[in-house]
Amino acid sequence: MDGFDVRYGLTTPNVLEARVNRAMAESAKTTVAVCDSSKFGRRCLSLIIPTSFVDETITDRNISKGDLQALREADVEVTLV
């Protein structure tokens, strides 16, 4: 993913990549988003999946308090590394 707007979802500028990633997420039992904190607050052209599809997010400790709170309010488990 190139962007993760917590209120919108995971995004990428590549339409084909979004389709493939969406298919993988929809067929998975658990969806884990792994990204560094610089991806938060960014939105790109193509939606991969909405935040409601994400079960867990693994990111670094530089995530903003607002994004961290929004993830937790969306019932997304967050692991900070």
PDB file of N, CA and C in Angstrom:
ATOM      1  N   MET A   1       0.830  -1.173   0.000  1.00  0.00           N
ATOM      2  CA  MET A   1       0.000   0.000   0.000  1.00  0.00           C
ATOM      3  C   MET A   1       0.877   1.238   0.000  1.00  0.00           C
ATOM      4  N   ASP A   2       0.345   2.284  -0.533  1.00  0.00           N
ATOM      5  CA  ASP A   2       1.078   3.551  -0.556  1.00  0.00           C
ATOM      6  C   ASP A   2       0.440   4.572   0.380  1.00  0.00           C
ATOM      7  N   GLY A   3      -0.790   4.321   0.763  1.00  0.00           N
ATOM      8  CA  GLY A   3      -1.479   5.221   1.671  1.00  0.00           C
ATOM      9  C   GLY A   3      -2.447   4.468   2.560  1.00  0.00           C
ATOM     10  N   PHE A   4      -2.616   4.989   3.779  1.00  0.00           N
ATOM     11  CA  PHE A   4      -3.572   4.404   4.713  1.00  0.00           C
ATOM     12  C   PHE A   4      -4.280   5.551   5.413  1.00  0.00           C
ATOM     13  N   ASP A   5      -5.421   5.918   4.864  1.00  0.00           N
ATOM     14  CA  ASP A   5      -6.299   6.899   5.489  1.00  0.00           C
ATOM     15  C   ASP A   5      -7.254   6.086   6.353  1.00  0.00           C
ATOM     16  N   VAL A   6      -7.111   6.173   7.656  1.00  0.00           N
ATOM     17  CA  VAL A   6      -7.855   5.297   8.566  1.00  0.00           C
ATOM     18  C   VAL A   6      -9.359   5.412   8.360  1.00  0.00           C
ATOM     19  N   ARG A   7      -9.853   6.555   7.988  1.00  0.00           N
ATOM     20  CA  ARG A   7     -11.295   6.724   7.783  1.00  0.00           C
ATOM     21  C   ARG A   7     -11.751   6.228   6.412  1.00  0.00           C
ATOM     22  N   TYR A   8     -10.805   5.949   5.502  1.00  0.00           N
ATOM     23  CA  TYR A   8     -11.128   5.523   4.141  1.00  0.00           C
ATOM     24  C   TYR A   8     -10.648   4.096   3.865  1.00  0.00           C
ATOM     25  N   GLY A   9      -9.361   3.856   4.065  1.00  0.00           N
ATOM     26  CA  GLY A   9      -8.822   2.526   3.845  1.00  0.00           C
ATOM     27  C   GLY A   9      -7.423   2.545   3.275  1.00  0.00           C
ATOM     28  N   LEU A  10      -6.995   1.381   2.791  1.00  0.00           N
ATOM     29  CA  LEU A  10      -5.665   1.208   2.222  1.00  0.00           C
ATOM     30  C   LEU A  10      -5.733   1.518   0.736  1.00  0.00           C
ATOM     31  N   THR A  11      -4.767   2.282   0.235  1.00  0.00           N
ATOM     32  CA  THR A  11      -4.808   2.706  -1.154  1.00  0.00           C
ATOM     33  C   THR A  11      -3.453   2.566  -1.838  1.00  0.00           C
ATOM     34  N   THR A  12      -3.505   2.609  -3.166  1.00  0.00           N
ATOM     35  CA  THR A  12      -2.316   2.575  -4.010  1.00  0.00           C
ATOM     36  C   THR A  12      -2.620   3.360  -5.283  1.00  0.00           C
ATOM     37  N   PRO A  13      -1.599   3.895  -5.945  1.00  0.00           N
ATOM     38  CA  PRO A  13      -1.858   4.577  -7.206  1.00  0.00           C
ATOM     39  C   PRO A  13      -2.073   3.606  -8.371  1.00  0.00           C
ATOM     40  N   ASN A  14      -1.764   2.313  -8.176  1.00  0.00           N
ATOM     41  CA  ASN A  14      -1.825   1.326  -9.241  1.00  0.00           C
ATOM     42  C   ASN A  14      -3.149   0.558  -9.193  1.00  0.00           C
ATOM     43  N   VAL A  15      -3.987   0.731 -10.204  1.00  0.00           N
ATOM     44  CA  VAL A  15      -5.308   0.106 -10.234  1.00  0.00           C
ATOM     45  C   VAL A  15      -5.207  -1.420 -10.243  1.00  0.00           C
ATOM     46  N   LEU A  16      -4.297  -1.972 -11.026  1.00  0.00           N
ATOM     47  CA  LEU A  16      -4.156  -3.428 -11.093  1.00  0.00           C
ATOM     48  C   LEU A  16      -3.650  -4.009  -9.778  1.00  0.00           C
ATOM     49  N   GLU A  17      -2.706  -3.325  -9.156  1.00  0.00           N
ATOM     50  CA  GLU A  17      -2.209  -3.769  -7.855  1.00  0.00           C
ATOM     51  C   GLU A  17      -3.338  -3.763  -6.826  1.00  0.00           C
ATOM     52  N   ALA A  18      -4.181  -2.749  -6.865  1.00  0.00           N
ATOM     53  CA  ALA A  18      -5.304  -2.666  -5.930  1.00  0.00           C
ATOM     54  C   ALA A  18      -6.236  -3.864  -6.103  1.00  0.00           C
ATOM     55  N   ARG A  19      -6.502  -4.249  -7.343  1.00  0.00           N
ATOM     56  CA  ARG A  19      -7.395  -5.385  -7.600  1.00  0.00           C
ATOM     57  C   ARG A  19      -6.816  -6.693  -7.065  1.00  0.00           C
ATOM     58  N   VAL A  20      -5.531  -6.915  -7.310  1.00  0.00           N
ATOM     59  CA  VAL A  20      -4.886  -8.143  -6.836  1.00  0.00           C
ATOM     60  C   VAL A  20      -4.860  -8.171  -5.308  1.00  0.00           C
ATOM     61  N   ASN A  21      -4.454  -7.066  -4.700  1.00  0.00           N
ATOM     62  CA  ASN A  21      -4.393  -7.004  -3.238  1.00  0.00           C
ATOM     63  C   ASN A  21      -5.773  -7.162  -2.613  1.00  0.00           C
ATOM     64  N   ARG A  22      -6.792  -6.586  -3.243  1.00  0.00           N
ATOM     65  CA  ARG A  22      -8.160  -6.714  -2.734  1.00  0.00           C
ATOM     66  C   ARG A  22      -8.601  -8.178  -2.778  1.00  0.00           C
ATOM     67  N   ALA A  23      -8.309  -8.860  -3.862  1.00  0.00           N
ATOM     68  CA  ALA A  23      -8.684 -10.275  -3.988  1.00  0.00           C
ATOM     69  C   ALA A  23      -8.009 -11.109  -2.909  1.00  0.00           C
ATOM     70  N   MET A  24      -6.745 -10.834  -2.649  1.00  0.00           N
ATOM     71  CA  MET A  24      -6.042 -11.573  -1.590  1.00  0.00           C
ATOM     72  C   MET A  24      -6.671 -11.307  -0.228  1.00  0.00           C
ATOM     73  N   ALA A  25      -6.972 -10.053   0.060  1.00  0.00           N
ATOM     74  CA  ALA A  25      -7.557  -9.701   1.360  1.00  0.00           C
ATOM     75  C   ALA A  25      -8.941 -10.315   1.527  1.00  0.00           C
ATOM     76  N   GLU A  26      -9.720 -10.326   0.459  1.00  0.00           N
ATOM     77  CA  GLU A  26     -11.076 -10.871   0.548  1.00  0.00           C
ATOM     78  C   GLU A  26     -11.077 -12.383   0.742  1.00  0.00           C
ATOM     79  N   SER A  27     -10.027 -13.063   0.294  1.00  0.00           N
ATOM     80  CA  SER A  27      -9.979 -14.515   0.437  1.00  0.00           C
ATOM     81  C   SER A  27      -9.254 -14.959   1.711  1.00  0.00           C
ATOM     82  N   ALA A  28      -8.629 -14.022   2.406  1.00  0.00           N
ATOM     83  CA  ALA A  28      -7.867 -14.350   3.614  1.00  0.00           C
ATOM     84  C   ALA A  28      -8.782 -14.467   4.835  1.00  0.00           C
ATOM     85  N   LYS A  29      -8.367 -15.291   5.782  1.00  0.00           N
ATOM     86  CA  LYS A  29      -9.085 -15.383   7.050  1.00  0.00           C
ATOM     87  C   LYS A  29      -8.781 -14.175   7.926  1.00  0.00           C
ATOM     88  N   THR A  30      -7.556 -13.699   7.844  1.00  0.00           N
ATOM     89  CA  THR A  30      -7.108 -12.559   8.639  1.00  0.00           C
ATOM     90  C   THR A  30      -6.337 -11.621   7.727  1.00  0.00           C
ATOM     91  N   THR A  31      -6.599 -10.330   7.851  1.00  0.00           N
ATOM     92  CA  THR A  31      -5.894  -9.344   7.047  1.00  0.00           C
ATOM     93  C   THR A  31      -5.039  -8.476   7.957  1.00  0.00           C
ATOM     94  N   VAL A  32      -3.732  -8.474   7.691  1.00  0.00           N
ATOM     95  CA  VAL A  32      -2.780  -7.706   8.474  1.00  0.00           C
ATOM     96  C   VAL A  32      -2.131  -6.678   7.553  1.00  0.00           C
ATOM     97  N   ALA A  33      -2.237  -5.423   7.917  1.00  0.00           N
ATOM     98  CA  ALA A  33      -1.581  -4.347   7.166  1.00  0.00           C
ATOM     99  C   ALA A  33      -0.256  -4.037   7.847  1.00  0.00           C
ATOM    100  N   VAL A  34       0.827  -4.085   7.088  1.00  0.00           N
ATOM    101  CA  VAL A  34       2.157  -3.783   7.610  1.00  0.00           C
ATOM    102  C   VAL A  34       2.674  -2.568   6.866  1.00  0.00           C
ATOM    103  N   CYS A  35       2.901  -1.487   7.595  1.00  0.00           N
ATOM    104  CA  CYS A  35       3.380  -0.263   6.950  1.00  0.00           C
ATOM    105  C   CYS A  35       4.046   0.636   7.978  1.00  0.00           C
ATOM    106  N   ASP A  36       4.930   1.493   7.483  1.00  0.00           N
ATOM    107  CA  ASP A  36       5.536   2.456   8.399  1.00  0.00           C
ATOM    108  C   ASP A  36       4.578   3.639   8.567  1.00  0.00           C
ATOM    109  N   SER A  37       4.829   4.422   9.569  1.00  0.00           N
ATOM    110  CA  SER A  37       3.911   5.509   9.936  1.00  0.00           C
ATOM    111  C   SER A  37       3.764   6.576   8.860  1.00  0.00           C
ATOM    112  N   SER A  38       4.693   6.664   7.921  1.00  0.00           N
ATOM    113  CA  SER A  38       4.595   7.682   6.870  1.00  0.00           C
ATOM    114  C   SER A  38       3.434   7.430   5.915  1.00  0.00           C
ATOM    115  N   LYS A  39       2.877   6.233   5.910  1.00  0.00           N
ATOM    116  CA  LYS A  39       1.760   5.907   5.016  1.00  0.00           C
ATOM    117  C   LYS A  39       0.426   6.435   5.545  1.00  0.00           C
ATOM    118  N   PHE A  40       0.351   6.712   6.835  1.00  0.00           N
ATOM    119  CA  PHE A  40      -0.913   7.161   7.428  1.00  0.00           C
ATOM    120  C   PHE A  40      -1.226   8.595   7.029  1.00  0.00           C
ATOM    121  N   GLY A  41      -2.506   8.846   6.818  1.00  0.00           N
ATOM    122  CA  GLY A  41      -2.944  10.175   6.426  1.00  0.00           C
ATOM    123  C   GLY A  41      -2.805  10.435   4.936  1.00  0.00           C
ATOM    124  N   ARG A  42      -2.384   9.422   4.187  1.00  0.00           N
ATOM    125  CA  ARG A  42      -2.227   9.549   2.740  1.00  0.00           C
ATOM    126  C   ARG A  42      -3.324   8.754   2.044  1.00  0.00           C
ATOM    127  N   ARG A  43      -3.807   9.290   0.926  1.00  0.00           N
ATOM    128  CA  ARG A  43      -4.813   8.602   0.133  1.00  0.00           C
ATOM    129  C   ARG A  43      -4.384   8.653  -1.332  1.00  0.00           C
ATOM    130  N   CYS A  44      -4.393   7.506  -1.973  1.00  0.00           N
ATOM    131  CA  CYS A  44      -4.004   7.405  -3.375  1.00  0.00           C
ATOM    132  C   CYS A  44      -5.226   7.082  -4.234  1.00  0.00           C
ATOM    133  N   LEU A  45      -5.005   6.957  -5.526  1.00  0.00           N
ATOM    134  CA  LEU A  45      -6.065   6.784  -6.512  1.00  0.00           C
ATOM    135  C   LEU A  45      -6.980   5.582  -6.267  1.00  0.00           C
ATOM    136  N   SER A  46      -6.406   4.424  -6.003  1.00  0.00           N
ATOM    137  CA  SER A  46      -7.185   3.180  -5.983  1.00  0.00           C
ATOM    138  C   SER A  46      -7.321   2.604  -4.580  1.00  0.00           C
ATOM    139  N   LEU A  47      -8.549   2.364  -4.184  1.00  0.00           N
ATOM    140  CA  LEU A  47      -8.823   1.738  -2.892  1.00  0.00           C
ATOM    141  C   LEU A  47      -8.517   0.251  -2.975  1.00  0.00           C
ATOM    142  N   ILE A  48      -7.707  -0.238  -2.059  1.00  0.00           N
ATOM    143  CA  ILE A  48      -7.448  -1.677  -1.952  1.00  0.00           C
ATOM    144  C   ILE A  48      -8.567  -2.293  -1.124  1.00  0.00           C
ATOM    145  N   ILE A  49      -8.666  -1.883   0.130  1.00  0.00           N
ATOM    146  CA  ILE A  49      -9.745  -2.333   1.009  1.00  0.00           C
ATOM    147  C   ILE A  49     -10.048  -1.224   2.003  1.00  0.00           C
ATOM    148  N   PRO A  50     -11.292  -1.168   2.472  1.00  0.00           N
ATOM    149  CA  PRO A  50     -11.604  -0.219   3.540  1.00  0.00           C
ATOM    150  C   PRO A  50     -10.997  -0.687   4.862  1.00  0.00           C
ATOM    151  N   THR A  51     -10.850   0.204   5.780  1.00  0.00           N
ATOM    152  CA  THR A  51     -10.277  -0.115   7.083  1.00  0.00           C
ATOM    153  C   THR A  51     -11.056  -1.221   7.787  1.00  0.00           C
ATOM    154  N   SER A  52     -12.337  -1.322   7.541  1.00  0.00           N
ATOM    155  CA  SER A  52     -13.159  -2.349   8.194  1.00  0.00           C
ATOM    156  C   SER A  52     -12.725  -3.764   7.827  1.00  0.00           C
ATOM    157  N   PHE A  53     -11.956  -3.954   6.749  1.00  0.00           N
ATOM    158  CA  PHE A  53     -11.460  -5.267   6.351  1.00  0.00           C
ATOM    159  C   PHE A  53     -10.164  -5.634   7.075  1.00  0.00           C
ATOM    160  N   VAL A  54      -9.545  -4.676   7.761  1.00  0.00           N
ATOM    161  CA  VAL A  54      -8.242  -4.889   8.396  1.00  0.00           C
ATOM    162  C   VAL A  54      -8.442  -5.418   9.813  1.00  0.00           C
ATOM    163  N   ASP A  55      -7.808  -6.560  10.110  1.00  0.00           N
ATOM    164  CA  ASP A  55      -7.882  -7.138  11.446  1.00  0.00           C
ATOM    165  C   ASP A  55      -6.776  -6.616  12.352  1.00  0.00           C
ATOM    166  N   GLU A  56      -5.586  -6.436  11.776  1.00  0.00           N
ATOM    167  CA  GLU A  56      -4.434  -5.990  12.554  1.00  0.00           C
ATOM    168  C   GLU A  56      -3.557  -5.095  11.692  1.00  0.00           C
ATOM    169  N   THR A  57      -2.930  -4.128  12.336  1.00  0.00           N
ATOM    170  CA  THR A  57      -1.951  -3.271  11.671  1.00  0.00           C
ATOM    171  C   THR A  57      -0.661  -3.311  12.470  1.00  0.00           C
ATOM    172  N   ILE A  58       0.447  -3.506  11.761  1.00  0.00           N
ATOM    173  CA  ILE A  58       1.769  -3.462  12.371  1.00  0.00           C
ATOM    174  C   ILE A  58       2.471  -2.240  11.804  1.00  0.00           C
ATOM    175  N   THR A  59       2.905  -1.357  12.685  1.00  0.00           N
ATOM    176  CA  THR A  59       3.552  -0.125  12.253  1.00  0.00           C
ATOM    177  C   THR A  59       4.561   0.332  13.299  1.00  0.00           C
ATOM    178  N   ASP A  60       5.291   1.381  12.962  1.00  0.00           N
ATOM    179  CA  ASP A  60       6.287   1.891  13.903  1.00  0.00           C
ATOM    180  C   ASP A  60       5.656   2.861  14.899  1.00  0.00           C
ATOM    181  N   ARG A  61       6.414   3.196  15.904  1.00  0.00           N
ATOM    182  CA  ARG A  61       5.925   4.015  17.011  1.00  0.00           C
ATOM    183  C   ARG A  61       5.751   5.500  16.665  1.00  0.00           C
ATOM    184  N   ASN A  62       6.039   5.887  15.444  1.00  0.00           N
ATOM    185  CA  ASN A  62       5.857   7.284  15.035  1.00  0.00           C
ATOM    186  C   ASN A  62       4.456   7.581  14.525  1.00  0.00           C
ATOM    187  N   ILE A  63       3.562   6.609  14.572  1.00  0.00           N
ATOM    188  CA  ILE A  63       2.188   6.836  14.154  1.00  0.00           C
ATOM    189  C   ILE A  63       1.585   7.933  15.034  1.00  0.00           C
ATOM    190  N   SER A  64       0.772   8.781  14.435  1.00  0.00           N
ATOM    191  CA  SER A  64       0.167   9.859  15.220  1.00  0.00           C
ATOM    192  C   SER A  64      -0.837   9.290  16.223  1.00  0.00           C
ATOM    193  N   LYS A  65      -1.007  10.002  17.306  1.00  0.00           N
ATOM    194  CA  LYS A  65      -1.968   9.563  18.325  1.00  0.00           C
ATOM    195  C   LYS A  65      -3.373   9.489  17.746  1.00  0.00           C
ATOM    196  N   GLY A  66      -3.699  10.421  16.837  1.00  0.00           N
ATOM    197  CA  GLY A  66      -5.019  10.434  16.214  1.00  0.00           C
ATOM    198  C   GLY A  66      -5.274   9.202  15.359  1.00  0.00           C
ATOM    199  N   ASP A  67      -4.276   8.825  14.549  1.00  0.00           N
ATOM    200  CA  ASP A  67      -4.429   7.629  13.720  1.00  0.00           C
ATOM    201  C   ASP A  67      -4.462   6.370  14.570  1.00  0.00           C
ATOM    202  N   LEU A  68      -3.649   6.314  15.592  1.00  0.00           N
ATOM    203  CA  LEU A  68      -3.645   5.169  16.492  1.00  0.00           C
ATOM    204  C   LEU A  68      -5.009   5.014  17.165  1.00  0.00           C
ATOM    205  N   GLN A  69      -5.554   6.102  17.650  1.00  0.00           N
ATOM    206  CA  GLN A  69      -6.866   6.064  18.288  1.00  0.00           C
ATOM    207  C   GLN A  69      -7.945   5.657  17.287  1.00  0.00           C
ATOM    208  N   ALA A  70      -7.882   6.203  16.067  1.00  0.00           N
ATOM    209  CA  ALA A  70      -8.881   5.862  15.048  1.00  0.00           C
ATOM    210  C   ALA A  70      -8.831   4.380  14.687  1.00  0.00           C
ATOM    211  N   LEU A  71      -7.631   3.803  14.613  1.00  0.00           N
ATOM    212  CA  LEU A  71      -7.514   2.368  14.345  1.00  0.00           C
ATOM    213  C   LEU A  71      -8.155   1.562  15.462  1.00  0.00           C
ATOM    214  N   ARG A  72      -7.857   1.918  16.681  1.00  0.00           N
ATOM    215  CA  ARG A  72      -8.420   1.184  17.820  1.00  0.00           C
ATOM    216  C   ARG A  72      -9.934   1.337  17.886  1.00  0.00           C
ATOM    217  N   GLU A  73     -10.438   2.519  17.552  1.00  0.00           N
ATOM    218  CA  GLU A  73     -11.890   2.728  17.533  1.00  0.00           C
ATOM    219  C   GLU A  73     -12.540   1.919  16.419  1.00  0.00           C
ATOM    220  N   ALA A  74     -11.786   1.612  15.367  1.00  0.00           N
ATOM    221  CA  ALA A  74     -12.286   0.788  14.271  1.00  0.00           C
ATOM    222  C   ALA A  74     -12.104  -0.701  14.565  1.00  0.00           C
ATOM    223  N   ASP A  75     -11.733  -1.042  15.799  1.00  0.00           N
ATOM    224  CA  ASP A  75     -11.529  -2.421  16.237  1.00  0.00           C
ATOM    225  C   ASP A  75     -10.402  -3.124  15.468  1.00  0.00           C
ATOM    226  N   VAL A  76      -9.373  -2.345  15.110  1.00  0.00           N
ATOM    227  CA  VAL A  76      -8.185  -2.907  14.468  1.00  0.00           C
ATOM    228  C   VAL A  76      -7.130  -3.078  15.551  1.00  0.00           C
ATOM    229  N   GLU A  77      -6.624  -4.306  15.691  1.00  0.00           N
ATOM    230  CA  GLU A  77      -5.541  -4.554  16.640  1.00  0.00           C
ATOM    231  C   GLU A  77      -4.291  -3.873  16.097  1.00  0.00           C
ATOM    232  N   VAL A  78      -3.555  -3.181  16.952  1.00  0.00           N
ATOM    233  CA  VAL A  78      -2.365  -2.449  16.526  1.00  0.00           C
ATOM    234  C   VAL A  78      -1.138  -2.986  17.267  1.00  0.00           C
ATOM    235  N   THR A  79      -0.099  -3.306  16.506  1.00  0.00           N
ATOM    236  CA  THR A  79       1.174  -3.719  17.064  1.00  0.00           C
ATOM    237  C   THR A  79       2.204  -2.686  16.669  1.00  0.00           C
ATOM    238  N   LEU A  80       2.818  -2.062  17.678  1.00  0.00           N
ATOM    239  CA  LEU A  80       3.842  -1.059  17.428  1.00  0.00           C
ATOM    240  C   LEU A  80       5.213  -1.699  17.582  1.00  0.00           C
ATOM    241  N   VAL A  81       6.084  -1.420  16.608  1.00  0.00           N
ATOM    242  CA  VAL A  81       7.437  -1.989  16.652  1.00  0.00           C
ATOM    243  C   VAL A  81       8.466  -0.889  16.628  1.00  0.00           C
TER     244      VAL A  81
END
